[in-house]
PDB file of N, CA and C in Angstrom:
ATOM      1  N   MET A   1    -157.251  -1.640 150.850  1.00  0.00           N
ATOM      2  CA  MET A   1    -157.421  -2.852 150.080  1.00  0.00           C
ATOM      3  C   MET A   1    -158.036  -3.950 150.916  1.00  0.00           C
ATOM      4  N   ASN A   2    -158.837  -4.725 150.295  1.00  0.00           N
ATOM      5  CA  ASN A   2    -159.496  -5.830 150.967  1.00  0.00           C
ATOM      6  C   ASN A   2    -158.647  -7.079 150.778  1.00  0.00           C
ATOM      7  N   ASN A   3    -158.119  -7.613 151.852  1.00  0.00           N
ATOM      8  CA  ASN A   3    -157.267  -8.806 151.783  1.00  0.00           C
ATOM      9  C   ASN A   3    -158.033 -10.084 152.045  1.00  0.00           C
ATOM     10  N   GLN A   4    -159.342 -10.001 152.008  1.00  0.00           N
ATOM     11  CA  GLN A   4    -160.162 -11.177 152.225  1.00  0.00           C
ATOM     12  C   GLN A   4    -160.037 -12.107 151.022  1.00  0.00           C
ATOM     13  N   PRO A   5    -159.888 -13.410 151.263  1.00  0.00           N
ATOM     14  CA  PRO A   5    -159.833 -14.337 150.122  1.00  0.00           C
ATOM     15  C   PRO A   5    -161.188 -14.412 149.424  1.00  0.00           C
ATOM     16  N   ILE A   6    -161.131 -14.597 148.130  1.00  0.00           N
ATOM     17  CA  ILE A   6    -162.359 -14.735 147.350  1.00  0.00           C
ATOM     18  C   ILE A   6    -162.833 -16.177 147.479  1.00  0.00           C
ATOM     19  N   THR A   7    -164.069 -16.338 147.888  1.00  0.00           N
ATOM     20  CA  THR A   7    -164.612 -17.687 148.008  1.00  0.00           C
ATOM     21  C   THR A   7    -165.758 -17.843 147.020  1.00  0.00           C
ATOM     22  N   HIS A   8    -165.807 -19.003 146.419  1.00  0.00           N
ATOM     23  CA  HIS A   8    -166.875 -19.336 145.478  1.00  0.00           C
ATOM     24  C   HIS A   8    -167.479 -20.662 145.894  1.00  0.00           C
ATOM     25  N   SER A   9    -168.739 -20.792 145.637  1.00  0.00           N
ATOM     26  CA  SER A   9    -169.374 -22.080 145.890  1.00  0.00           C
ATOM     27  C   SER A   9    -168.938 -23.052 144.803  1.00  0.00           C
ATOM     28  N   ASP A  10    -169.155 -24.333 145.052  1.00  0.00           N
ATOM     29  CA  ASP A  10    -168.784 -25.352 144.071  1.00  0.00           C
ATOM     30  C   ASP A  10    -169.500 -25.135 142.750  1.00  0.00           C
ATOM     31  N   SER A  11    -170.763 -24.759 142.801  1.00  0.00           N
ATOM     32  CA  SER A  11    -171.515 -24.564 141.562  1.00  0.00           C
ATOM     33  C   SER A  11    -170.985 -23.364 140.777  1.00  0.00           C
ATOM     34  N   THR A  12    -170.521 -22.330 141.461  1.00  0.00           N
ATOM     35  CA  THR A  12    -169.943 -21.172 140.780  1.00  0.00           C
ATOM     36  C   THR A  12    -168.641 -21.552 140.089  1.00  0.00           C
ATOM     37  N   ILE A  13    -167.813 -22.317 140.763  1.00  0.00           N
ATOM     38  CA  ILE A  13    -166.552 -22.770 140.171  1.00  0.00           C
ATOM     39  C   ILE A  13    -166.821 -23.658 138.973  1.00  0.00           C
ATOM     40  N   GLU A  14    -167.784 -24.556 139.081  1.00  0.00           N
ATOM     41  CA  GLU A  14    -168.131 -25.422 137.955  1.00  0.00           C
ATOM     42  C   GLU A  14    -168.635 -24.606 136.768  1.00  0.00           C
ATOM     43  N   MET A  15    -169.393 -23.549 137.046  1.00  0.00           N
ATOM     44  CA  MET A  15    -169.904 -22.699 135.970  1.00  0.00           C
ATOM     45  C   MET A  15    -168.758 -21.934 135.306  1.00  0.00           C
ATOM     46  N   ILE A  16    -167.804 -21.460 136.093  1.00  0.00           N
ATOM     47  CA  ILE A  16    -166.637 -20.757 135.532  1.00  0.00           C
ATOM     48  C   ILE A  16    -165.852 -21.702 134.639  1.00  0.00           C
ATOM     49  N   ILE A  17    -165.652 -22.932 135.095  1.00  0.00           N
ATOM     50  CA  ILE A  17    -164.928 -23.926 134.301  1.00  0.00           C
ATOM     51  C   ILE A  17    -165.698 -24.249 133.024  1.00  0.00           C
ATOM     52  N   ALA A  18    -166.987 -24.401 133.127  1.00  0.00           N
ATOM     53  CA  ALA A  18    -167.810 -24.702 131.946  1.00  0.00           C
ATOM     54  C   ALA A  18    -167.751 -23.557 130.939  1.00  0.00           C
ATOM     55  N   LYS A  19    -167.807 -22.323 131.424  1.00  0.00           N
ATOM     56  CA  LYS A  19    -167.718 -21.177 130.513  1.00  0.00           C
ATOM     57  C   LYS A  19    -166.366 -21.126 129.820  1.00  0.00           C
ATOM     58  N   GLU A  20    -165.300 -21.425 130.547  1.00  0.00           N
ATOM     59  CA  GLU A  20    -163.960 -21.423 129.941  1.00  0.00           C
ATOM     60  C   GLU A  20    -163.834 -22.532 128.898  1.00  0.00           C
ATOM     61  N   ARG A  21    -164.354 -23.696 129.211  1.00  0.00           N
ATOM     62  CA  ARG A  21    -164.342 -24.794 128.232  1.00  0.00           C
ATOM     63  C   ARG A  21    -165.137 -24.409 126.986  1.00  0.00           C
ATOM     64  N   LEU A  22    -166.255 -23.770 127.195  1.00  0.00           N
ATOM     65  CA  LEU A  22    -167.080 -23.334 126.079  1.00  0.00           C
ATOM     66  C   LEU A  22    -166.338 -22.311 125.226  1.00  0.00           C
ATOM     67  N   ARG A  23    -165.658 -21.380 125.866  1.00  0.00           N
ATOM     68  CA  ARG A  23    -164.888 -20.367 125.143  1.00  0.00           C
ATOM     69  C   ARG A  23    -163.782 -21.010 124.322  1.00  0.00           C
ATOM     70  N   GLN A  24    -163.064 -21.951 124.924  1.00  0.00           N
ATOM     71  CA  GLN A  24    -161.980 -22.630 124.216  1.00  0.00           C
ATOM     72  C   GLN A  24    -162.509 -23.465 123.060  1.00  0.00           C
ATOM     73  N   ALA A  25    -163.614 -24.143 123.270  1.00  0.00           N
ATOM     74  CA  ALA A  25    -164.203 -24.944 122.196  1.00  0.00           C
ATOM     75  C   ALA A  25    -164.658 -24.053 121.053  1.00  0.00           C
ATOM     76  N   HIS A  26    -165.212 -22.899 121.384  1.00  0.00           N
ATOM     77  CA  HIS A  26    -165.666 -21.947 120.363  1.00  0.00           C
ATOM     78  C   HIS A  26    -164.487 -21.475 119.514  1.00  0.00           C
ATOM     79  N   HIS A  27    -163.397 -21.098 120.167  1.00  0.00           N
ATOM     80  CA  HIS A  27    -162.213 -20.655 119.433  1.00  0.00           C
ATOM     81  C   HIS A  27    -161.601 -21.791 118.613  1.00  0.00           C
ATOM     82  N   SER A  28    -161.577 -22.982 119.156  1.00  0.00           N
ATOM     83  CA  SER A  28    -161.046 -24.129 118.415  1.00  0.00           C
ATOM     84  C   SER A  28    -161.876 -24.404 117.173  1.00  0.00           C
ATOM     85  N   PHE A  29    -163.190 -24.324 117.306  1.00  0.00           N
ATOM     86  CA  PHE A  29    -164.061 -24.564 116.162  1.00  0.00           C
ATOM     87  C   PHE A  29    -163.834 -23.508 115.087  1.00  0.00           C
ATOM     88  N   ASN A  30    -163.752 -22.240 115.498  1.00  0.00           N
ATOM     89  CA  ASN A  30    -163.521 -21.166 114.523  1.00  0.00           C
ATOM     90  C   ASN A  30    -162.178 -21.336 113.822  1.00  0.00           C
ATOM     91  N   LEU A  31    -161.151 -21.687 114.575  1.00  0.00           N
ATOM     92  CA  LEU A  31    -159.834 -21.918 113.977  1.00  0.00           C
ATOM     93  C   LEU A  31    -159.880 -23.077 112.995  1.00  0.00           C
ATOM     94  N   ALA A  32    -160.533 -24.148 113.379  1.00  0.00           N
ATOM     95  CA  ALA A  32    -160.642 -25.307 112.490  1.00  0.00           C
ATOM     96  C   ALA A  32    -161.413 -24.952 111.225  1.00  0.00           C
ATOM     97  N   PHE A  33    -162.456 -24.138 111.352  1.00  0.00           N
ATOM     98  CA  PHE A  33    -163.247 -23.733 110.195  1.00  0.00           C
ATOM     99  C   PHE A  33    -162.414 -22.904 109.219  1.00  0.00           C
ATOM    100  N   VAL A  34    -161.689 -21.923 109.731  1.00  0.00           N
ATOM    101  CA  VAL A  34    -160.881 -21.051 108.879  1.00  0.00           C
ATOM    102  C   VAL A  34    -159.751 -21.839 108.220  1.00  0.00           C
ATOM    103  N   THR A  35    -159.077 -22.680 108.981  1.00  0.00           N
ATOM    104  CA  THR A  35    -157.975 -23.445 108.394  1.00  0.00           C
ATOM    105  C   THR A  35    -158.487 -24.488 107.400  1.00  0.00           C
ATOM    106  N   THR A  36    -159.642 -25.052 107.655  1.00  0.00           N
ATOM    107  CA  THR A  36    -160.219 -25.992 106.684  1.00  0.00           C
ATOM    108  C   THR A  36    -160.519 -25.277 105.372  1.00  0.00           C
ATOM    109  N   ALA A  37    -161.080 -24.089 105.461  1.00  0.00           N
ATOM    110  CA  ALA A  37    -161.371 -23.315 104.244  1.00  0.00           C
ATOM    111  C   ALA A  37    -160.078 -23.010 103.484  1.00  0.00           C
ATOM    112  N   ALA A  38    -159.029 -22.632 104.206  1.00  0.00           N
ATOM    113  CA  ALA A  38    -157.743 -22.341 103.558  1.00  0.00           C
ATOM    114  C   ALA A  38    -157.172 -23.595 102.903  1.00  0.00           C
ATOM    115  N   CYS A  39    -157.283 -24.728 103.572  1.00  0.00           N
ATOM    116  CA  CYS A  39    -156.759 -25.982 103.026  1.00  0.00           C
ATOM    117  C   CYS A  39    -157.537 -26.426 101.788  1.00  0.00           C
ATOM    118  N   VAL A  40    -158.832 -26.189 101.785  1.00  0.00           N
ATOM    119  CA  VAL A  40    -159.642 -26.515 100.607  1.00  0.00           C
ATOM    120  C   VAL A  40    -159.185 -25.663  99.426  1.00  0.00           C
ATOM    121  N   LEU A  41    -158.932 -24.379  99.674  1.00  0.00           N
ATOM    122  CA  LEU A  41    -158.441 -23.504  98.607  1.00  0.00           C
ATOM    123  C   LEU A  41    -157.080 -23.969  98.093  1.00  0.00           C
ATOM    124  N   ILE A  42    -156.217 -24.409  98.994  1.00  0.00           N
ATOM    125  CA  ILE A  42    -154.912 -24.939  98.587  1.00  0.00           C
ATOM    126  C   ILE A  42    -155.094 -26.196  97.745  1.00  0.00           C
ATOM    127  N   SER A  43    -156.035 -27.039  98.123  1.00  0.00           N
ATOM    128  CA  SER A  43    -156.308 -28.255  97.347  1.00  0.00           C
ATOM    129  C   SER A  43    -156.784 -27.906  95.941  1.00  0.00           C
ATOM    130  N   PHE A  44    -157.675 -26.912  95.844  1.00  0.00           N
ATOM    131  CA  PHE A  44    -158.137 -26.477  94.519  1.00  0.00           C
ATOM    132  C   PHE A  44    -156.992 -25.914  93.688  1.00  0.00           C
ATOM    133  N   ALA A  45    -156.081 -25.198  94.339  1.00  0.00           N
ATOM    134  CA  ALA A  45    -154.911 -24.682  93.628  1.00  0.00           C
ATOM    135  C   ALA A  45    -154.071 -25.840  93.089  1.00  0.00           C
ATOM    136  N   GLY A  46    -153.936 -26.891  93.874  1.00  0.00           N
ATOM    137  CA  GLY A  46    -153.199 -28.071  93.422  1.00  0.00           C
ATOM    138  C   GLY A  46    -153.855 -28.739  92.235  1.00  0.00           C
ATOM    139  N   VAL A  47    -155.168 -28.847  92.280  1.00  0.00           N
ATOM    140  CA  VAL A  47    -155.897 -29.437  91.156  1.00  0.00           C
ATOM    141  C   VAL A  47    -155.728 -28.559  89.917  1.00  0.00           C
ATOM    142  N   GLY A  48    -155.758 -27.243  90.110  1.00  0.00           N
ATOM    143  CA  GLY A  48    -155.542 -26.328  88.992  1.00  0.00           C
ATOM    144  C   GLY A  48    -154.166 -26.495  88.379  1.00  0.00           C
ATOM    145  N   LEU A  49    -153.166 -26.682  89.232  1.00  0.00           N
ATOM    146  CA  LEU A  49    -151.808 -26.899  88.718  1.00  0.00           C
ATOM    147  C   LEU A  49    -151.721 -28.193  87.914  1.00  0.00           C
ATOM    148  N   VAL A  50    -152.389 -29.231  88.391  1.00  0.00           N
ATOM    149  CA  VAL A  50    -152.394 -30.503  87.655  1.00  0.00           C
ATOM    150  C   VAL A  50    -153.049 -30.302  86.290  1.00  0.00           C
ATOM    151  N   LEU A  51    -154.160 -29.579  86.259  1.00  0.00           N
ATOM    152  CA  LEU A  51    -154.861 -29.340  84.991  1.00  0.00           C
ATOM    153  C   LEU A  51    -154.054 -28.464  84.034  1.00  0.00           C
ATOM    154  N   LEU A  52    -153.188 -27.634  84.565  1.00  0.00           N
ATOM    155  CA  LEU A  52    -152.355 -26.780  83.727  1.00  0.00           C
ATOM    156  C   LEU A  52    -151.073 -27.472  83.263  1.00  0.00           C
ATOM    157  N   GLY A  53    -150.921 -28.719  83.631  1.00  0.00           N
ATOM    158  CA  GLY A  53    -149.763 -29.478  83.179  1.00  0.00           C
ATOM    159  C   GLY A  53    -148.593 -29.465  84.137  1.00  0.00           C
ATOM    160  N   LYS A  54    -148.743 -28.877  85.275  1.00  0.00           N
ATOM    161  CA  LYS A  54    -147.678 -28.863  86.294  1.00  0.00           C
ATOM    162  C   LYS A  54    -147.972 -29.987  87.286  1.00  0.00           C
ATOM    163  N   ALA A  55    -147.911 -31.210  86.798  1.00  0.00           N
ATOM    164  CA  ALA A  55    -148.397 -32.371  87.558  1.00  0.00           C
ATOM    165  C   ALA A  55    -147.688 -32.551  88.890  1.00  0.00           C
ATOM    166  N   SER A  56    -146.372 -32.479  88.929  1.00  0.00           N
ATOM    167  CA  SER A  56    -145.677 -32.760  90.190  1.00  0.00           C
ATOM    168  C   SER A  56    -145.988 -31.691  91.238  1.00  0.00           C
ATOM    169  N   GLU A  57    -145.965 -30.412  90.841  1.00  0.00           N
ATOM    170  CA  GLU A  57    -146.284 -29.350  91.795  1.00  0.00           C
ATOM    171  C   GLU A  57    -147.742 -29.437  92.248  1.00  0.00           C
ATOM    172  N   GLY A  58    -148.612 -29.739  91.297  1.00  0.00           N
ATOM    173  CA  GLY A  58    -150.031 -29.855  91.621  1.00  0.00           C
ATOM    174  C   GLY A  58    -150.318 -31.009  92.549  1.00  0.00           C
ATOM    175  N   THR A  59    -149.660 -32.127  92.321  1.00  0.00           N
ATOM    176  CA  THR A  59    -149.867 -33.304  93.173  1.00  0.00           C
ATOM    177  C   THR A  59    -149.420 -33.019  94.598  1.00  0.00           C
ATOM    178  N   ILE A  60    -148.269 -32.390  94.734  1.00  0.00           N
ATOM    179  CA  ILE A  60    -147.762 -32.068  96.075  1.00  0.00           C
ATOM    180  C   ILE A  60    -148.696 -31.086  96.774  1.00  0.00           C
ATOM    181  N   THR A  61    -149.131 -30.064  96.064  1.00  0.00           N
ATOM    182  CA  THR A  61    -150.022 -29.062  96.652  1.00  0.00           C
ATOM    183  C   THR A  61    -151.369 -29.672  97.052  1.00  0.00           C
ATOM    184  N   ALA A  62    -151.943 -30.454  96.144  1.00  0.00           N
ATOM    185  CA  ALA A  62    -153.244 -31.065  96.437  1.00  0.00           C
ATOM    186  C   ALA A  62    -153.150 -32.044  97.601  1.00  0.00           C
ATOM    187  N   THR A  63    -152.090 -32.840  97.633  1.00  0.00           N
ATOM    188  CA  THR A  63    -151.907 -33.798  98.731  1.00  0.00           C
ATOM    189  C   THR A  63    -151.742 -33.073 100.058  1.00  0.00           C
ATOM    190  N   GLY A  64    -150.935 -32.024 100.063  1.00  0.00           N
ATOM    191  CA  GLY A  64    -150.758 -31.244 101.293  1.00  0.00           C
ATOM    192  C   GLY A  64    -152.054 -30.612 101.756  1.00  0.00           C
ATOM    193  N   GLY A  65    -152.828 -30.083 100.819  1.00  0.00           N
ATOM    194  CA  GLY A  65    -154.105 -29.477 101.176  1.00  0.00           C
ATOM    195  C   GLY A  65    -155.088 -30.481 101.740  1.00  0.00           C
ATOM    196  N   LEU A  66    -155.140 -31.651 101.126  1.00  0.00           N
ATOM    197  CA  LEU A  66    -156.067 -32.687 101.606  1.00  0.00           C
ATOM    198  C   LEU A  66    -155.657 -33.210 102.979  1.00  0.00           C
ATOM    199  N   ALA A  67    -154.345 -33.412 103.182  1.00  0.00           N
ATOM    200  CA  ALA A  67    -153.876 -33.885 104.485  1.00  0.00           C
ATOM    201  C   ALA A  67    -154.183 -32.853 105.568  1.00  0.00           C
ATOM    202  N   SER A  68    -153.973 -31.575 105.249  1.00  0.00           N
ATOM    203  CA  SER A  68    -154.266 -30.518 106.213  1.00  0.00           C
ATOM    204  C   SER A  68    -155.754 -30.433 106.508  1.00  0.00           C
ATOM    205  N   THR A  69    -156.569 -30.637 105.486  1.00  0.00           N
ATOM    206  CA  THR A  69    -158.021 -30.601 105.673  1.00  0.00           C
ATOM    207  C   THR A  69    -158.457 -31.705 106.634  1.00  0.00           C
ATOM    208  N   ALA A  70    -157.882 -32.894 106.484  1.00  0.00           N
ATOM    209  CA  ALA A  70    -158.229 -34.002 107.378  1.00  0.00           C
ATOM    210  C   ALA A  70    -157.883 -33.655 108.821  1.00  0.00           C
ATOM    211  N   TYR A  71    -156.721 -33.036 109.032  1.00  0.00           N
ATOM    212  CA  TYR A  71    -156.319 -32.656 110.388  1.00  0.00           C
ATOM    213  C   TYR A  71    -157.256 -31.582 110.945  1.00  0.00           C
ATOM    214  N   CYS A  72    -157.631 -30.614 110.116  1.00  0.00           N
ATOM    215  CA  CYS A  72    -158.531 -29.551 110.562  1.00  0.00           C
ATOM    216  C   CYS A  72    -159.905 -30.103 110.928  1.00  0.00           C
ATOM    217  N   LEU A  73    -160.371 -31.078 110.187  1.00  0.00           N
ATOM    218  CA  LEU A  73    -161.650 -31.706 110.514  1.00  0.00           C
ATOM    219  C   LEU A  73    -161.568 -32.430 111.853  1.00  0.00           C
ATOM    220  N   LYS A  74    -160.412 -33.017 112.149  1.00  0.00           N
ATOM    221  CA  LYS A  74    -160.215 -33.653 113.453  1.00  0.00           C
ATOM    222  C   LYS A  74    -160.278 -32.600 114.567  1.00  0.00           C
ATOM    223  N   LEU A  75    -159.651 -31.440 114.342  1.00  0.00           N
ATOM    224  CA  LEU A  75    -159.721 -30.367 115.331  1.00  0.00           C
ATOM    225  C   LEU A  75    -161.162 -29.927 115.565  1.00  0.00           C
ATOM    226  N   SER A  76    -161.919 -29.821 114.492  1.00  0.00           N
ATOM    227  CA  SER A  76    -163.317 -29.427 114.596  1.00  0.00           C
ATOM    228  C   SER A  76    -164.117 -30.458 115.376  1.00  0.00           C
ATOM    229  N   LYS A  77    -163.867 -31.740 115.119  1.00  0.00           N
ATOM    230  CA  LYS A  77    -164.561 -32.806 115.844  1.00  0.00           C
ATOM    231  C   LYS A  77    -164.214 -32.761 117.324  1.00  0.00           C
ATOM    232  N   ASP A  78    -162.934 -32.517 117.632  1.00  0.00           N
ATOM    233  CA  ASP A  78    -162.520 -32.419 119.033  1.00  0.00           C
ATOM    234  C   ASP A  78    -163.224 -31.257 119.737  1.00  0.00           C
ATOM    235  N   ALA A  79    -163.339 -30.125 119.050  1.00  0.00           N
ATOM    236  CA  ALA A  79    -164.027 -28.976 119.632  1.00  0.00           C
ATOM    237  C   ALA A  79    -165.498 -29.312 119.886  1.00  0.00           C
ATOM    238  N   ASN A  80    -166.115 -29.999 118.937  1.00  0.00           N
ATOM    239  CA  ASN A  80    -167.515 -30.391 119.100  1.00  0.00           C
ATOM    240  C   ASN A  80    -167.667 -31.379 120.249  1.00  0.00           C
ATOM    241  N   ASP A  81    -166.738 -32.293 120.393  1.00  0.00           N
ATOM    242  CA  ASP A  81    -166.786 -33.243 121.505  1.00  0.00           C
ATOM    243  C   ASP A  81    -166.676 -32.526 122.846  1.00  0.00           C
ATOM    244  N   ARG A  82    -165.821 -31.484 122.904  1.00  0.00           N
ATOM    245  CA  ARG A  82    -165.705 -30.719 124.145  1.00  0.00           C
ATOM    246  C   ARG A  82    -167.016 -30.004 124.463  1.00  0.00           C
ATOM    247  N   LEU A  83    -167.667 -29.469 123.452  1.00  0.00           N
ATOM    248  CA  LEU A  83    -168.960 -28.823 123.682  1.00  0.00           C
ATOM    249  C   LEU A  83    -169.987 -29.829 124.192  1.00  0.00           C
ATOM    250  N   ASP A  84    -169.991 -31.016 123.601  1.00  0.00           N
ATOM    251  CA  ASP A  84    -170.917 -32.055 124.059  1.00  0.00           C
ATOM    252  C   ASP A  84    -170.639 -32.436 125.501  1.00  0.00           C
ATOM    253  N   LYS A  85    -169.363 -32.488 125.877  1.00  0.00           N
ATOM    254  CA  LYS A  85    -168.994 -32.849 127.241  1.00  0.00           C
ATOM    255  C   LYS A  85    -169.475 -31.785 128.224  1.00  0.00           C
ATOM    256  N   VAL A  86    -169.289 -30.507 127.877  1.00  0.00           N
ATOM    257  CA  VAL A  86    -169.748 -29.429 128.751  1.00  0.00           C
ATOM    258  C   VAL A  86    -171.267 -29.495 128.911  1.00  0.00           C
ATOM    259  N   ALA A  87    -171.964 -29.687 127.799  1.00  0.00           N
ATOM    260  CA  ALA A  87    -173.428 -29.771 127.866  1.00  0.00           C
ATOM    261  C   ALA A  87    -173.866 -30.941 128.730  1.00  0.00           C
ATOM    262  N   SER A  88    -173.199 -32.074 128.577  1.00  0.00           N
ATOM    263  CA  SER A  88    -173.536 -33.253 129.378  1.00  0.00           C
ATOM    264  C   SER A  88    -173.291 -33.013 130.856  1.00  0.00           C
ATOM    265  N   GLU A  89    -172.154 -32.383 131.188  1.00  0.00           N
ATOM    266  CA  GLU A  89    -171.846 -32.104 132.592  1.00  0.00           C
ATOM    267  C   GLU A  89    -172.842 -31.116 133.197  1.00  0.00           C
ATOM    268  N   LEU A  90    -173.242 -30.120 132.404  1.00  0.00           N
ATOM    269  CA  LEU A  90    -174.218 -29.157 132.917  1.00  0.00           C
ATOM    270  C   LEU A  90    -175.569 -29.809 133.133  1.00  0.00           C
ATOM    271  N   ASN A  91    -175.964 -30.725 132.251  1.00  0.00           N
ATOM    272  CA  ASN A  91    -177.238 -31.432 132.415  1.00  0.00           C
ATOM    273  C   ASN A  91    -177.194 -32.383 133.593  1.00  0.00           C
ATOM    274  N   ASP A  92    -176.044 -32.998 133.859  1.00  0.00           N
ATOM    275  CA  ASP A  92    -175.908 -33.919 134.985  1.00  0.00           C
ATOM    276  C   ASP A  92    -176.023 -33.202 136.312  1.00  0.00           C
ATOM    277  N   ASP A  93    -175.576 -31.940 136.344  1.00  0.00           N
ATOM    278  CA  ASP A  93    -175.601 -31.182 137.593  1.00  0.00           C
ATOM    279  C   ASP A  93    -176.999 -30.735 137.980  1.00  0.00           C
ATOM    280  N   ARG A  94    -177.913 -30.735 137.034  1.00  0.00           N
ATOM    281  CA  ARG A  94    -179.277 -30.237 137.329  1.00  0.00           C
ATOM    282  C   ARG A  94    -180.146 -31.281 137.925  1.00  0.00           C
TER     283      ARG A  94
END
């Protein structure tokens, strides 16, 4: 076995960090997209309940779906901001 420590240059470490940030931002964006779609469907279900005369259940469902959608959009914005930050840092290094 080789017991030599692994050494990386500063630029290699920065690239590893940038790739990890990119991976995390990608997963965050995908999660936000899927959950936003689910929340929109829940909101439509709430509207359907209101139209069918189940006003209280529909109102609660629609409100919950809309509130969740707002949170998911915030997650998506945060993921996009992280991508912008990585791109900016990579451009600054050049």
